[in-house]
Protein backbone atom coordinates (compact mmCIF):
# COMPACT_ATOMS: atom_id res chain seq x y z
CA MET A 1 -25.92 -8.27 -10.58
CA ALA A 2 -23.22 -7.09 -8.53
CA SER A 3 -20.09 -5.81 -10.16
CA VAL A 4 -17.62 -5.47 -7.08
CA ARG A 5 -17.21 -7.84 -4.18
CA VAL A 6 -15.89 -5.99 -1.03
CA PHE A 7 -14.16 -7.59 1.56
CA LEU A 8 -14.79 -6.01 4.88
CA THR A 9 -12.06 -7.03 7.37
CA THR A 10 -12.49 -6.55 11.18
CA TYR A 11 -10.56 -7.68 14.36
CA ARG A 12 -11.83 -6.55 18.00
CA ARG A 13 -12.79 -2.86 16.90
CA PRO A 14 -16.54 -2.62 16.83
CA ALA A 15 -16.61 1.23 17.29
CA LEU A 16 -14.42 1.57 14.23
CA LEU A 17 -16.31 -0.96 12.22
CA ARG A 18 -19.62 0.86 12.66
CA ARG A 19 -18.38 3.87 10.77
CA ALA A 20 -16.79 1.71 8.15
CA VAL A 21 -20.04 -0.17 7.53
CA ARG A 22 -22.12 2.98 7.33
CA SER A 23 -19.49 4.56 4.58
CA LEU A 24 -20.20 1.26 2.69
CA LEU A 25 -24.02 1.47 2.70
CA ALA A 26 -23.91 5.23 1.98
CA GLN A 27 -22.10 4.18 -1.57
CA THR A 28 -23.68 5.74 -4.62
CA HIS A 29 -22.58 2.73 -6.69
CA THR A 30 -25.05 -0.03 -4.98
CA GLN A 31 -24.38 -3.10 -7.02
CA TRP A 32 -21.97 -4.66 -4.64
CA VAL A 33 -21.80 -7.63 -2.26
CA CYS A 34 -19.86 -7.56 0.99
CA GLU A 35 -17.85 -10.40 2.66
CA VAL A 36 -17.30 -9.79 6.35
CA HIS A 37 -14.66 -11.36 7.73
CA ASN A 38 -14.14 -11.39 11.69
CA ASP A 39 -10.83 -12.61 12.35
CA ASP A 40 -11.47 -13.13 16.14
CA PRO A 41 -13.10 -16.33 16.82
CA SER A 42 -14.13 -15.40 20.20
CA ASP A 43 -15.90 -12.11 19.33
CA ASP A 44 -19.47 -11.94 17.94
CA GLN A 45 -19.93 -8.27 18.33
CA PRO A 46 -19.53 -7.74 14.68
CA ARG A 47 -22.58 -9.90 13.87
CA ALA A 48 -24.57 -8.17 16.29
CA LEU A 49 -23.62 -4.50 14.54
CA LEU A 50 -24.46 -5.97 11.36
CA ASP A 51 -27.93 -6.90 12.30
CA GLU A 52 -28.46 -3.28 13.93
CA LEU A 53 -27.11 -1.64 10.66
CA ALA A 54 -28.16 -3.92 8.04
CA ARG A 55 -30.64 -6.19 9.11
CA GLY A 56 -31.99 -8.13 6.15
CA ASP A 57 -29.67 -6.80 3.44
CA SER A 58 -28.67 -9.81 1.69
CA ARG A 59 -25.57 -8.20 0.20
CA PHE A 60 -23.82 -8.75 3.39
CA VAL A 61 -22.09 -12.57 4.01
CA TYR A 62 -20.69 -12.61 7.49
CA ASN A 63 -17.86 -14.76 8.01
CA GLN A 64 -16.73 -15.47 11.60
CA HIS A 65 -13.19 -17.41 11.59
CA PRO A 66 -12.89 -20.52 13.57
CA GLU A 67 -9.33 -19.77 14.06
CA ASN A 68 -7.37 -16.42 13.61
CA TRP A 69 -5.98 -16.15 10.03
CA GLY A 70 -3.91 -12.94 10.50
CA ALA A 71 -3.72 -9.82 8.49
CA VAL A 72 -1.88 -11.60 5.57
CA GLY A 73 -3.90 -14.41 5.52
CA VAL A 74 -7.29 -12.48 5.29
CA PHE A 75 -5.72 -10.04 2.30
CA ASN A 76 -4.31 -13.27 0.73
CA HIS A 77 -7.95 -14.68 0.68
CA MET A 78 -9.26 -11.41 -0.58
CA TYR A 79 -7.04 -11.32 -3.44
CA ARG A 80 -8.61 -14.20 -4.99
CA GLY A 81 -11.79 -12.02 -5.33
CA GLY A 82 -15.13 -13.64 -6.57
CA PRO A 83 -17.31 -14.10 -9.73
CA GLU A 84 -17.34 -10.31 -9.89
CA PRO A 85 -15.29 -8.41 -12.20
CA PHE A 86 -14.30 -6.21 -9.57
CA ALA A 87 -13.05 -6.52 -5.71
CA SER A 88 -12.18 -4.28 -3.13
CA LEU A 89 -10.91 -4.25 0.50
CA LEU A 90 -12.52 -1.93 3.54
CA GLU A 91 -10.64 -2.44 6.73
CA ASP A 92 -12.58 -1.73 9.94
CA ASP A 93 -10.47 1.71 10.53
CA ASN A 94 -10.90 3.21 7.26
CA TRP A 95 -13.61 4.77 5.55
CA TRP A 96 -14.93 5.78 2.30
CA ASP A 97 -16.77 8.77 0.64
CA PRO A 98 -20.12 8.03 -0.85
CA GLU A 99 -18.90 8.13 -4.21
CA PHE A 100 -15.77 6.06 -3.93
CA LEU A 101 -17.09 2.76 -5.68
CA GLN A 102 -18.91 4.57 -8.37
CA THR A 103 -15.83 6.67 -9.42
CA ALA A 104 -13.06 3.68 -8.98
CA VAL A 105 -15.36 1.32 -11.05
CA ALA A 106 -15.79 4.00 -13.66
CA VAL A 107 -12.04 4.63 -13.92
CA LEU A 108 -11.20 0.97 -14.42
CA GLU A 109 -13.90 0.51 -16.97
CA ARG A 110 -12.16 3.22 -18.95
CA ASN A 111 -8.92 1.66 -18.44
CA PRO A 112 -9.63 -2.16 -19.21
CA GLY A 113 -6.06 -3.21 -19.10
CA ALA A 114 -5.47 -1.77 -15.57
CA ALA A 115 -4.82 -4.22 -12.59
CA MET A 116 -6.19 -1.47 -10.10
CA ALA A 117 -7.33 2.06 -9.28
CA TRP A 118 -7.25 3.63 -6.42
CA ALA A 119 -7.93 6.94 -4.84
CA ASN A 120 -6.10 9.67 -2.64
CA MET A 121 -6.94 9.21 1.14
CA ARG A 122 -7.33 11.94 3.56
CA ARG A 123 -5.35 11.39 6.94
CA TRP A 124 -6.73 11.12 10.44
CA ARG A 125 -5.18 10.49 13.95
CA GLU A 126 -7.01 8.64 16.79
CA GLU A 127 -6.03 10.55 20.02
CA PRO A 128 -5.66 8.88 23.44
CA ASP A 129 -9.38 9.74 24.24
CA GLY A 130 -10.82 8.21 21.28
CA ALA A 131 -11.27 11.52 19.22
CA TRP A 132 -10.06 11.67 15.68
CA THR A 133 -7.99 14.81 14.23
CA ASP A 134 -8.24 15.72 10.74
CA LEU A 135 -4.55 16.02 9.87
CA ASN A 136 -5.32 18.34 6.93
CA CYS A 137 -3.34 16.53 4.61
CA SER A 138 -3.55 13.44 1.95
CA ILE A 139 -1.39 10.58 1.30
CA TRP A 140 -0.89 12.07 -2.13
CA THR A 141 0.03 15.83 -2.37
CA VAL A 142 -1.68 17.38 -5.49
CA GLY A 143 -0.87 20.56 -6.98
CA PRO A 144 -3.20 22.87 -8.78
CA GLY A 145 -3.99 22.08 -12.46
CA ALA A 146 -3.09 18.24 -11.70
CA PRO A 147 -4.72 15.70 -13.80
CA GLU A 148 -7.92 13.92 -12.61
CA THR A 149 -6.10 10.47 -12.71
CA VAL A 150 -2.31 9.31 -13.24
CA VAL A 151 -1.46 5.87 -14.99
CA PHE A 152 1.46 4.27 -13.32
CA SER A 153 3.39 1.21 -14.73
CA TRP A 154 5.91 -1.28 -13.51
CA PRO A 155 8.85 -0.33 -12.71
CA GLU A 156 8.25 3.18 -11.28
CA CYS A 157 11.54 4.51 -9.44
CA LEU A 158 8.94 5.32 -6.43
CA GLN A 159 8.39 1.41 -6.09
CA SER A 160 12.08 0.99 -4.93
CA PHE A 161 11.24 2.09 -1.54
CA ASP A 162 7.51 2.49 -1.21
CA ALA A 163 4.19 1.29 -2.65
CA LEU A 164 2.18 3.62 -5.11
CA HIS A 165 -1.34 2.28 -4.09
CA SER A 166 -3.41 2.54 -0.88
CA GLN A 167 -4.84 -0.73 0.18
CA GLY A 168 -7.56 0.89 1.79
CA ALA A 169 -9.00 2.92 -1.11
CA MET A 170 -8.65 0.70 -4.08
CA VAL A 171 -10.85 -1.46 -6.49
CA PHE A 172 -9.19 -4.17 -8.52
CA ARG A 173 -9.49 -6.85 -11.14
CA PRO A 174 -8.36 -10.37 -9.30
CA GLY A 175 -7.51 -11.89 -12.73
CA ARG A 176 -4.80 -9.16 -13.37
CA PHE A 177 -2.41 -10.15 -10.68
CA ARG A 178 0.09 -13.08 -10.97
CA THR A 179 -0.70 -14.63 -7.71
CA PRO A 180 -3.18 -13.94 -5.15
CA GLU A 181 -0.66 -15.41 -2.60
CA VAL A 182 2.01 -13.68 -0.54
CA PRO A 183 4.21 -15.49 1.84
CA LEU A 184 2.12 -15.51 5.20
CA ALA A 185 5.56 -14.44 6.81
CA THR A 186 5.57 -11.27 4.80
CA PRO A 187 5.86 -8.29 7.07
CA LEU A 188 2.94 -6.22 7.18
CA ASP A 189 4.46 -3.11 6.49
CA ILE A 190 5.35 -4.18 2.84
CA ILE A 191 1.99 -6.03 2.01
CA GLU A 192 1.32 -3.08 -0.69
CA PRO A 193 4.62 -3.24 -2.48
CA LEU A 194 4.66 -6.76 -2.73
CA ARG A 195 0.89 -6.73 -4.40
CA GLU A 196 2.29 -4.65 -6.90
CA ARG A 197 5.20 -6.95 -7.90
CA ALA A 198 2.54 -9.21 -9.17
CA ALA A 199 0.06 -6.87 -10.84
CA LEU A 200 -0.42 -7.55 -14.54
CA GLY A 201 -1.26 -4.30 -15.82
CA PRO A 202 -1.33 -0.56 -14.99
CA LEU A 203 -2.17 1.19 -11.61
CA VAL A 204 -4.16 4.24 -11.98
CA LEU A 205 -4.22 7.11 -9.12
CA ILE A 206 -6.97 8.96 -8.64
CA CYS A 207 -6.03 12.28 -7.19
CA ARG A 208 -8.94 13.56 -5.79
CA PRO A 209 -9.32 11.93 -2.02
CA LEU A 210 -12.48 10.02 -1.80
CA ALA A 211 -11.38 7.89 1.19
CA ASN A 212 -10.17 8.48 4.96
CA PHE A 213 -7.12 6.76 6.33
CA ALA A 214 -7.04 6.18 10.23
CA GLN A 215 -3.79 6.43 12.08
CA THR A 216 -4.97 4.54 15.05
CA ALA A 217 -3.45 4.50 18.59
CA ARG A 218 -2.96 0.78 18.09
CA THR A 219 -1.62 -1.24 14.96
CA ALA A 220 -0.70 -4.61 13.75
CA ARG A 221 2.38 -3.15 12.12
CA SER A 222 5.76 -3.84 13.58
CA VAL A 223 7.04 -0.75 15.95
CA ASP A 224 10.83 -2.41 15.82
CA PRO A 225 13.20 0.16 13.93
CA LEU A 226 15.13 -3.15 12.56
CA ASP A 227 11.79 -4.79 11.24
CA TRP A 228 11.03 -1.35 9.59
CA ILE A 229 14.73 -1.15 7.93
CA GLN A 230 14.83 -4.86 6.76
CA SER A 231 11.35 -4.48 5.26
CA LYS A 232 12.58 -1.29 3.38
CA LEU A 233 15.62 -3.50 2.24
CA LEU A 234 13.38 -6.51 1.03
CA VAL A 235 11.76 -3.99 -1.04
CA ALA A 236 14.69 -1.78 -2.43
CA ALA A 237 17.25 -4.62 -2.84
CA SER A 238 14.72 -6.74 -5.03
CA PHE A 239 14.02 -3.58 -7.17
CA PHE A 240 17.55 -2.79 -7.90
CA ASP A 241 18.21 -6.43 -8.33
CA SER A 242 15.60 -6.71 -11.33
CA VAL A 243 15.11 -3.38 -12.86
CA GLU A 244 17.53 -0.80 -14.82
CA ILE A 245 17.86 2.54 -12.97
CA GLY A 246 19.93 5.39 -14.77
CA PRO A 247 21.90 8.21 -13.62
CA ALA A 248 19.28 10.58 -14.10
CA GLU A 249 16.60 8.80 -12.42
CA LEU A 250 18.98 8.04 -9.53
CA LYS A 251 19.78 11.41 -8.85
CA ARG A 252 15.89 12.62 -8.78
CA LEU A 253 15.48 9.78 -6.26
CA TRP A 254 18.07 10.55 -4.03
CA ALA A 255 16.80 14.38 -4.14
CA ALA A 256 12.99 12.95 -3.37
CA ARG A 257 14.09 10.90 -0.42
CA ARG A 258 16.34 13.61 1.04
CA VAL A 259 13.42 15.91 1.67
CA LEU A 260 11.62 13.32 3.63
CA ARG A 261 11.21 14.13 7.18
CA PRO A 262 12.38 12.09 9.12
CA HIS A 263 15.63 11.68 6.94
CA ASP A 264 15.41 8.47 4.71
CA THR A 265 18.91 8.57 3.31
CA MET A 266 20.52 5.97 5.23
CA VAL A 267 18.42 3.13 3.47
CA PHE A 268 20.88 4.13 0.51
CA PHE A 269 23.86 3.48 2.21
CA SER A 270 22.40 -0.18 3.65
CA LEU A 271 21.19 -1.06 0.10
CA ALA A 272 24.53 -0.33 -1.24
CA LEU A 273 26.46 -2.47 1.29
CA ALA A 274 23.83 -5.23 0.57
CA VAL A 275 23.85 -5.42 -3.22
CA ARG A 276 27.29 -4.18 -3.43
CA GLN A 277 26.79 -1.37 -5.98
CA PRO A 278 28.85 1.59 -4.83
CA ARG A 279 27.16 3.52 -7.65
CA LEU A 280 24.15 4.03 -5.27
CA LEU A 281 26.19 6.66 -3.34
CA ARG A 282 27.24 8.83 -6.28
CA HIS A 283 24.83 11.50 -5.18
CA ALA A 284 25.36 11.45 -1.15
CA HIS A 285 25.87 14.61 -0.08
CA PRO A 286 28.39 15.50 2.98
CA ALA A 287 25.47 15.62 4.97
CA ASP A 288 23.92 12.56 3.97
CA TRP A 289 27.60 10.83 4.76
CA LEU A 290 27.62 12.40 8.28
CA ARG A 291 23.89 11.28 9.11
CA ALA A 292 25.17 7.54 7.82
CA VAL A 293 28.23 7.64 9.97
CA LEU A 294 26.26 9.05 13.07
CA GLU A 295 23.79 6.44 12.52
CA ILE A 296 26.55 3.52 12.31
CA ALA A 297 27.95 4.65 15.35
CA ARG A 298 25.00 4.98 17.46
CA GLN A 299 23.45 1.54 16.52
CA PRO A 300 26.32 -0.61 14.66
CA VAL A 301 24.39 -3.85 15.98
CA ARG A 302 21.12 -2.91 14.30
CA VAL A 303 22.75 -1.74 11.12
CA VAL A 304 24.73 -5.21 10.58
CA ARG A 305 21.61 -7.09 11.72
CA ALA A 306 19.27 -5.26 8.83
CA LEU A 307 21.79 -6.71 6.57
CA ARG A 308 20.75 -10.15 7.14
CA PHE A 309 17.18 -9.26 5.81
CA ARG A 310 17.74 -11.94 2.94
CA THR A 311 18.16 -14.91 5.37
CA ASP A 312 16.09 -13.44 8.11
CA CYS A 313 13.12 -13.02 5.85
CA ALA A 314 14.26 -15.61 3.22
CA GLU A 315 10.58 -16.73 1.99
CA THR A 316 9.69 -12.97 1.19
CA TRP A 317 12.86 -12.21 -0.37
CA ASN A 318 12.55 -15.48 -2.57
CA TRP A 319 9.06 -14.30 -3.37
CA LEU A 320 9.72 -10.95 -4.46
CA VAL A 321 13.07 -11.65 -6.55
CA GLY A 322 10.72 -14.37 -8.27
CA GLN A 323 8.10 -11.67 -9.08
CA SER A 324 10.09 -9.19 -9.96
CA ALA A 325 12.28 -11.44 -12.57
CA ALA A 326 8.99 -12.43 -14.29
CA PHE A 327 9.04 -8.72 -15.84
CA GLY A 328 12.73 -9.33 -17.09
CA ARG A 329 15.14 -6.18 -16.61
CA PRO A 330 13.12 -2.97 -17.82
CA ARG A 331 14.27 0.69 -17.16
CA ALA A 332 12.83 2.34 -14.39
CA LYS A 333 10.53 5.16 -14.95
CA ALA A 334 10.08 8.32 -12.71
CA THR A 335 6.29 9.55 -13.13
CA ALA A 336 6.73 10.41 -9.28
CA LEU A 337 9.56 10.19 -7.48
CA SER A 338 7.75 10.84 -4.28
CA LYS A 339 3.89 11.39 -3.51
CA VAL A 340 3.34 14.64 -5.03
CA ILE A 341 1.37 15.01 -8.08
CA GLN A 342 1.85 18.71 -10.02
CA ALA A 343 0.30 20.13 -13.05
CA PRO A 344 1.91 18.77 -16.44
CA PRO A 345 4.29 20.85 -17.96
CA PRO A 346 2.81 23.43 -20.85
CA PRO A 347 3.38 21.89 -24.18
CA PRO A 348 6.63 23.65 -26.01
CA PRO A 349 5.93 26.39 -28.40
C-alpha cells in the first residue's frame, strides 16, 4: 500500500515537467501514488509525456482541469491529502534527489507529532537560452558539525517575516493542519508562511540538500514591489499582533535582517507604523534610519499605499489573524534568526 500521495502540478512547462517526472520515478521509496494536475485546459502535452515516461505505471492518475484553478487553488486541493498517511508536492520546475522521499518519510516516522518534514534545496537559475546554472548554494546555509535535522515549533522569530519550509521539498501529514484552505486571493509570495500558521505540530528541517529549487525565467509570483511589501507586512503584522517577542530576540532579529542583501530593515519601519509599536525601532542604527528616510523620499506614494495591506488584502489578513490567534499569545523562540544552521555550542565544562 502506498504511504505517500505526491501531487505533481504543471502549467505549460512540458520540458521542465519531464525532469520532475524522471526524478519521481527515480525515488528509492517506491510506495507512492501520484496525482498529476495539469492546470491548462487547452494543453494535452503532459498526458503525452506521461505516456512516454510512465506508460502502464498505475501509480499515476492524470487530471486535466476543465478550467484553470490557479496555483493557490491547486495547493488547497493538495493540502487535503488522500487516504495515505503522508502527502507531498512536486512542482514541474523543481526536482528531487533519489533518496528524498525515503529520507523525509523516515524523519516523520521518528517524529510522530510533527506536521511536516522538509529538505534543504540547491538553487539553480534558468538562463535566457534555456540552460541551467548551478548557483552553488542552498536555501539553508549549514555549517560544519551542524545536526542532521532541526525541529522548529511555532512561533519562531524567523516566521515573523519568512517561511521556514520550502514547499518544493516537503512531506507532510494532512491531518496535522488546522485547515487545508487558504484564501484564493492569497499572494503567492506568502503561501508558505500561511501554511505554517495552520500547522498543528513541529516542522522538521532536513539540513542536507535533497532537492533542487529552480529560479525560472518566468514565474507566477508578482514582480510588483508594492505587492512584495504588502505581502511582507501581512505576515509580519499578524505575527507581532499575536506573538510576544522579547527585547533580546528583537535585537537579534534586527541583526539578522540587517545583513541581508538587499537590505531588509525598511520593513521594520513600515511595520512600526502599521502596528503602532515604536519599540520595534529601538534597535535601528543610524544607517537604518538613513535608508528608511531615503526610501520614503524616493517612493512616498508606495510607502503609504503599502500600509493599506489590511484593507487591500482583507481576506488574507483576517485568515492570518484567525489562525495566529488560535495559538494564544506564546513567546517567540529564536532557534534560527536567518536561514543558517551552525553546529550546536559545546556543553559547559
